[in-house]
């Protein structure tokens, strides 16, 4: 959309689930990137159906005029015992993304998470919030990883995320306070901000100077309310359909787009739905989201 100062891309999670593996299990890489091209979009993140060989992936994306914007990187920095191996893995991740021409690394702490922390057991039911010493260790690890990212011409963008220890507005605030603003940036995600109890527009305004990457995701309020009443965990919420694309949920994207535009944000903003593509076909929902965003932009001219 030429009237926006930033570029809109789309995440393959609309076609293939990352946290819910049965979503889009039979979908092919070729279908995903062909439909991205058909939508007229030129940015995508790495997905689990994408070729792991950088040369193959680069060729396939370039043939379709698509740029790899980033790839998710889980880290376990809140436990100092994992620091060195995590930083070694982070460097390899940065090397890959540099080769692909990406500029940001989507980064998320998994310590304490019910679903992602390898130290948790199947019978546990809640996210374990961090103690003060774990927060300090997390910040130190992120600063070190941010320095590695900078070596490769990349920015570490921290993804506040449902079902993790940096989910709530006060946790986002604390992470930003504890980390070096020259090394650790923010991945602003509208859906995860709302899921975590924040007003997405307030998060955007408060932390704009740290934002280097954006995910545009909507929420189905009725599904969220039902899930909360049942104390459903994060992955169960996804299976219930709590997330969808902009224009199909309860969030007002007009002020968010205005704020990004007025501030001159010029990075990538990726559409995300993270829902079952059999029930909610990715191409159709993405097309509708683009129509919705276009209508919001036109209504504000």
Protein backbone atom coordinates (compact mmCIF):
# COMPACT_ATOMS: atom_id res chain seq x y z
CA UNK A 1 0.00 0.00 0.00
CA UNK A 2 1.78 3.04 -1.33
CA UNK A 3 0.16 5.44 1.12
CA UNK A 4 1.78 3.72 4.11
CA UNK A 5 5.42 4.44 4.99
CA UNK A 6 6.00 0.83 6.03
CA UNK A 7 5.90 -2.44 4.10
CA UNK A 8 3.21 -5.06 4.70
CA UNK A 9 4.16 -8.73 4.50
CA UNK A 10 2.61 -11.90 5.84
CA UNK A 11 3.67 -14.70 8.16
CA UNK A 12 3.42 -18.33 6.97
CA UNK A 13 1.70 -19.09 10.30
CA UNK A 14 -1.51 -18.14 8.48
CA UNK A 15 -1.08 -21.32 6.42
CA UNK A 16 0.86 -23.60 8.79
CA UNK A 17 0.66 -23.54 12.58
CA UNK A 18 3.88 -23.29 14.56
CA UNK A 19 2.45 -24.01 18.02
CA UNK A 20 -0.42 -26.21 16.82
CA UNK A 21 1.20 -28.66 14.43
CA UNK A 22 -1.99 -30.11 12.96
CA UNK A 23 -2.96 -26.71 11.55
CA UNK A 24 -1.94 -26.79 7.90
CA UNK A 25 -0.01 -30.03 8.30
CA UNK A 26 -0.53 -30.94 4.63
CA UNK A 27 0.14 -27.47 3.25
CA UNK A 28 3.24 -27.19 1.06
CA UNK A 29 5.89 -24.49 0.93
CA UNK A 30 5.04 -23.88 -2.72
CA UNK A 31 1.39 -23.20 -1.92
CA UNK A 32 2.35 -20.70 0.78
CA UNK A 33 4.78 -18.64 -1.30
CA UNK A 34 2.66 -18.83 -4.46
CA UNK A 35 -0.31 -17.43 -2.55
CA UNK A 36 1.86 -14.75 -0.94
CA UNK A 37 2.94 -13.72 -4.42
CA UNK A 38 -0.67 -13.78 -5.65
CA UNK A 39 -1.62 -11.44 -2.80
CA UNK A 40 0.96 -8.97 -4.07
CA UNK A 41 2.99 -9.15 -0.86
CA UNK A 42 6.78 -9.15 -0.83
CA UNK A 43 7.76 -10.09 2.74
CA UNK A 44 7.52 -13.30 4.75
CA UNK A 45 9.03 -14.85 7.85
CA UNK A 46 10.62 -18.28 7.99
CA UNK A 47 8.16 -21.14 8.49
CA UNK A 48 8.52 -24.81 9.31
CA UNK A 49 7.59 -25.85 5.77
CA UNK A 50 10.27 -23.63 4.21
CA UNK A 51 13.49 -25.16 2.81
CA UNK A 52 16.29 -25.17 5.39
CA UNK A 53 19.00 -24.79 2.76
CA UNK A 54 19.67 -21.03 2.44
CA UNK A 55 20.59 -21.28 -1.24
CA UNK A 56 17.36 -23.12 -2.12
CA UNK A 57 15.20 -20.83 0.02
CA UNK A 58 16.81 -17.69 -1.39
CA UNK A 59 16.27 -18.89 -4.96
CA UNK A 60 12.63 -19.81 -4.39
CA UNK A 61 11.83 -16.50 -2.70
CA UNK A 62 13.71 -14.38 -5.22
CA UNK A 63 11.84 -16.06 -8.08
CA UNK A 64 8.65 -14.72 -6.52
CA UNK A 65 9.97 -11.31 -5.50
CA UNK A 66 9.69 -12.12 -1.78
CA UNK A 67 12.08 -11.08 1.01
CA UNK A 68 12.65 -13.13 4.17
CA UNK A 69 12.03 -10.57 6.91
CA UNK A 70 12.98 -12.64 9.97
CA UNK A 71 12.85 -15.97 11.76
CA UNK A 72 11.68 -16.73 15.30
CA UNK A 73 14.45 -17.57 17.77
CA UNK A 74 13.57 -19.03 21.16
CA UNK A 75 16.10 -18.32 23.91
CA UNK A 76 16.55 -19.51 27.49
CA UNK A 77 18.51 -16.68 29.05
CA UNK A 78 16.68 -16.52 32.39
CA UNK A 79 18.73 -19.54 33.52
CA UNK A 80 22.48 -18.64 33.47
CA UNK A 81 23.39 -22.31 32.97
CA UNK A 82 22.07 -22.08 29.40
CA UNK A 83 23.74 -18.75 28.51
CA UNK A 84 26.74 -19.89 26.48
CA UNK A 85 24.96 -22.55 24.42
CA UNK A 86 22.11 -20.15 23.75
CA UNK A 87 24.48 -17.44 22.52
CA UNK A 88 26.27 -19.92 20.27
CA UNK A 89 22.93 -20.92 18.73
CA UNK A 90 21.99 -17.25 18.42
CA UNK A 91 25.12 -16.52 16.39
CA UNK A 92 24.27 -19.32 13.93
CA UNK A 93 20.75 -17.92 13.65
CA UNK A 94 22.14 -14.45 12.92
CA UNK A 95 24.47 -15.86 10.26
CA UNK A 96 21.54 -17.47 8.47
CA UNK A 97 19.38 -14.34 8.56
CA UNK A 98 22.24 -12.13 7.38
CA UNK A 99 22.72 -14.46 4.42
CA UNK A 100 19.00 -14.16 3.64
CA UNK A 101 19.13 -10.35 3.74
CA UNK A 102 16.94 -10.02 6.83
CA UNK A 103 17.34 -7.07 9.22
CA UNK A 104 15.69 -8.26 12.46
CA UNK A 105 15.63 -11.39 14.63
CA UNK A 106 12.31 -12.20 16.28
CA UNK A 107 13.43 -13.29 19.76
CA UNK A 108 11.47 -14.70 22.70
CA UNK A 109 12.42 -16.03 26.13
CA UNK A 110 10.89 -19.48 26.76
CA UNK A 111 12.02 -19.93 30.37
CA UNK A 112 8.96 -20.46 32.57
CA UNK A 113 6.67 -21.10 29.61
CA UNK A 114 4.25 -23.97 29.98
CA UNK A 115 4.67 -25.10 26.37
CA UNK A 116 8.13 -24.06 25.26
CA UNK A 117 10.46 -24.43 28.27
CA UNK A 118 12.25 -27.81 27.99
CA UNK A 119 12.54 -27.98 31.79
CA UNK A 120 8.75 -28.09 32.32
CA UNK A 121 6.78 -31.32 32.74
CA UNK A 122 3.48 -32.28 31.03
CA UNK A 123 1.43 -32.20 34.23
CA UNK A 124 2.13 -28.51 34.98
CA UNK A 125 -0.61 -25.96 34.36
CA UNK A 126 0.75 -22.39 34.64
CA UNK A 127 3.50 -20.13 33.32
CA UNK A 128 6.17 -19.65 35.99
CA UNK A 129 6.80 -15.90 36.27
CA UNK A 130 10.43 -14.82 36.68
CA UNK A 131 12.13 -13.98 39.97
CA UNK A 132 14.36 -10.87 40.18
CA UNK A 133 17.58 -12.80 39.57
CA UNK A 134 16.02 -14.50 36.53
CA UNK A 135 15.01 -11.11 35.13
CA UNK A 136 18.59 -9.90 35.50
CA UNK A 137 19.93 -13.02 33.79
CA UNK A 138 17.40 -12.60 30.97
CA UNK A 139 18.41 -8.98 30.40
CA UNK A 140 22.12 -9.83 30.41
CA UNK A 141 21.57 -12.63 27.91
CA UNK A 142 19.47 -10.45 25.63
CA UNK A 143 22.06 -7.67 25.69
CA UNK A 144 24.74 -10.19 24.73
CA UNK A 145 22.57 -11.61 21.94
CA UNK A 146 21.75 -8.09 20.77
CA UNK A 147 25.47 -7.41 20.44
CA UNK A 148 25.82 -10.55 18.30
CA UNK A 149 22.89 -9.45 16.13
CA UNK A 150 24.53 -6.06 15.64
CA UNK A 151 27.74 -7.74 14.45
CA UNK A 152 25.72 -9.17 11.56
CA UNK A 153 23.90 -5.96 10.73
CA UNK A 154 20.70 -7.16 12.46
CA UNK A 155 18.52 -5.97 15.32
CA UNK A 156 17.28 -8.23 18.10
CA UNK A 157 13.54 -7.54 18.27
CA UNK A 158 11.96 -8.99 21.41
CA UNK A 159 8.59 -10.64 20.80
CA UNK A 160 6.29 -10.19 23.80
CA UNK A 161 4.19 -13.33 23.52
CA UNK A 162 1.20 -15.10 25.03
CA UNK A 163 2.03 -18.03 27.27
CA UNK A 164 5.49 -16.68 28.15
CA UNK A 165 7.06 -14.64 30.94
CA UNK A 166 7.01 -11.41 28.91
CA UNK A 167 3.33 -11.28 28.10
CA UNK A 168 1.70 -8.66 30.34
CA UNK A 169 2.11 -4.88 29.92
CA UNK A 170 4.15 -4.56 33.10
CA UNK A 171 6.45 -7.35 31.88
CA UNK A 172 7.01 -5.57 28.57
CA UNK A 173 7.82 -2.40 30.53
CA UNK A 174 10.26 -4.22 32.77
CA UNK A 175 12.07 -5.86 29.87
CA UNK A 176 12.49 -2.52 28.14
CA UNK A 177 13.78 -0.93 31.36
CA UNK A 178 16.32 -3.68 32.04
CA UNK A 179 17.80 -4.00 28.55
CA UNK A 180 20.12 -1.77 26.54
CA UNK A 181 18.10 0.28 24.01
CA UNK A 182 21.03 0.13 21.60
CA UNK A 183 21.00 -3.68 21.64
CA UNK A 184 17.45 -4.85 22.37
CA UNK A 185 14.47 -3.62 20.35
CA UNK A 186 10.78 -4.56 20.46
CA UNK A 187 8.65 -6.61 18.12
CA UNK A 188 5.27 -4.95 18.59
CA UNK A 189 2.48 -7.51 18.17
CA UNK A 190 -1.07 -6.14 18.35
CA UNK A 191 -2.73 -9.49 19.09
CA UNK A 192 -0.28 -10.65 21.72
CA UNK A 193 -0.41 -7.23 23.41
CA UNK A 194 -4.19 -7.53 23.77
CA UNK A 195 -3.99 -11.20 24.75
CA UNK A 196 -1.58 -10.22 27.53
CA UNK A 197 -3.96 -7.62 28.92
CA UNK A 198 -2.59 -4.46 27.31
CA UNK A 199 -4.10 -1.80 25.08
CA UNK A 200 -2.04 -2.30 21.89
CA UNK A 201 -2.14 1.42 21.07
CA UNK A 202 -0.75 2.28 24.52
CA UNK A 203 2.11 -0.22 24.08
CA UNK A 204 2.85 1.25 20.66
CA UNK A 205 2.93 4.82 21.96
CA UNK A 206 4.89 4.02 25.11
CA UNK A 207 7.62 1.98 23.44
CA UNK A 208 7.65 3.32 19.90
CA UNK A 209 11.31 4.36 20.07
CA UNK A 210 12.27 0.71 20.67
CA UNK A 211 10.02 -0.82 17.96
CA UNK A 212 11.87 -2.26 14.96
CA UNK A 213 9.36 -4.84 13.71
CA UNK A 214 5.56 -5.26 13.77
CA UNK A 215 3.03 -8.11 13.67
CA UNK A 216 -0.57 -7.16 12.87
CA UNK A 217 -2.86 -9.72 14.48
CA UNK A 218 -6.49 -9.52 15.64
CA UNK A 219 -8.41 -11.16 18.51
CA UNK A 220 -11.83 -12.75 18.70
CA UNK A 221 -13.17 -11.31 21.95
CA UNK A 222 -15.85 -13.95 22.51
CA UNK A 223 -13.30 -16.74 22.13
CA UNK A 224 -10.88 -14.97 24.48
CA UNK A 225 -13.62 -14.49 27.09
CA UNK A 226 -14.61 -18.15 26.90
CA UNK A 227 -11.00 -19.28 27.13
CA UNK A 228 -10.37 -17.04 30.14
CA UNK A 229 -13.46 -18.39 31.91
CA UNK A 230 -12.12 -21.90 31.39
CA UNK A 231 -8.56 -20.87 32.36
CA UNK A 232 -7.42 -22.34 29.05
CA UNK A 233 -3.70 -22.36 28.32
CA UNK A 234 -2.14 -20.55 25.37
CA UNK A 235 -2.09 -23.43 22.87
CA UNK A 236 -5.70 -24.32 23.73
CA UNK A 237 -6.63 -20.71 23.00
CA UNK A 238 -5.10 -21.03 19.54
CA UNK A 239 -7.03 -24.22 18.89
CA UNK A 240 -10.22 -22.43 19.95
CA UNK A 241 -9.52 -19.70 17.38
CA UNK A 242 -8.64 -16.75 19.60
CA UNK A 243 -6.43 -15.15 16.92
CA UNK A 244 -7.37 -13.94 13.46
CA UNK A 245 -6.27 -11.38 10.87
CA UNK A 246 -6.93 -7.62 11.09
CA UNK A 247 -10.55 -6.75 10.43
CA UNK A 248 -11.96 -10.06 11.61
CA UNK A 249 -11.72 -9.46 15.36
CA UNK A 250 -12.28 -6.81 18.02
CA UNK A 251 -9.20 -4.60 17.60
CA UNK A 252 -9.41 -1.15 16.06
CA UNK A 253 -6.49 -0.94 13.64
CA UNK A 254 -7.24 2.59 12.45
CA UNK A 255 -5.46 4.40 15.31
CA UNK A 256 -2.62 1.85 15.22
CA UNK A 257 -2.00 2.44 11.50
CA UNK A 258 -2.27 6.19 12.09
CA UNK A 259 0.30 6.09 14.87
CA UNK A 260 2.76 4.02 12.85
CA UNK A 261 2.32 6.32 9.85
CA UNK A 262 2.57 9.57 11.78
CA UNK A 263 5.69 8.37 13.55
CA UNK A 264 7.23 7.42 10.22
CA UNK A 265 7.70 3.73 10.92
CA UNK A 266 9.39 2.31 7.81
CA UNK A 267 10.08 -1.33 8.72
CA UNK A 268 8.03 -4.44 8.04
CA UNK A 269 4.54 -5.11 9.41
CA UNK A 270 3.45 -8.73 8.94
CA UNK A 271 -0.14 -9.95 8.85
CA UNK A 272 -0.82 -12.85 11.23
CA UNK A 273 -3.87 -14.96 11.89
CA UNK A 274 -2.57 -18.11 13.60
CA UNK A 275 -5.76 -20.13 13.14
CA UNK A 276 -6.85 -23.35 11.50
CA UNK A 277 -6.53 -22.77 7.74
CA UNK A 278 -9.12 -25.45 6.99
CA UNK A 279 -11.76 -23.40 8.78
CA UNK A 280 -10.21 -20.04 7.89
CA UNK A 281 -8.44 -20.26 4.50
CA UNK A 282 -5.22 -18.26 4.68
CA UNK A 283 -5.41 -16.64 1.23
CA UNK A 284 -9.02 -15.51 1.64
CA UNK A 285 -8.48 -14.13 5.12
CA UNK A 286 -5.29 -12.34 4.09
CA UNK A 287 -7.04 -10.77 1.09
CA UNK A 288 -9.85 -9.57 3.36
CA UNK A 289 -7.32 -8.17 5.84
CA UNK A 290 -5.61 -6.20 3.07
CA UNK A 291 -8.97 -4.84 1.92
CA UNK A 292 -9.74 -3.83 5.52
CA UNK A 293 -6.40 -2.09 5.97
CA UNK A 294 -6.79 -0.32 2.62
CA UNK A 295 -10.24 0.91 3.61
CA UNK A 296 -8.89 2.29 6.89
CA UNK A 297 -6.10 4.10 5.08
CA UNK A 298 -8.46 5.57 2.48
CA UNK A 299 -10.96 6.71 5.14
CA UNK A 300 -8.24 8.77 6.81
CA UNK A 301 -7.04 10.64 3.73
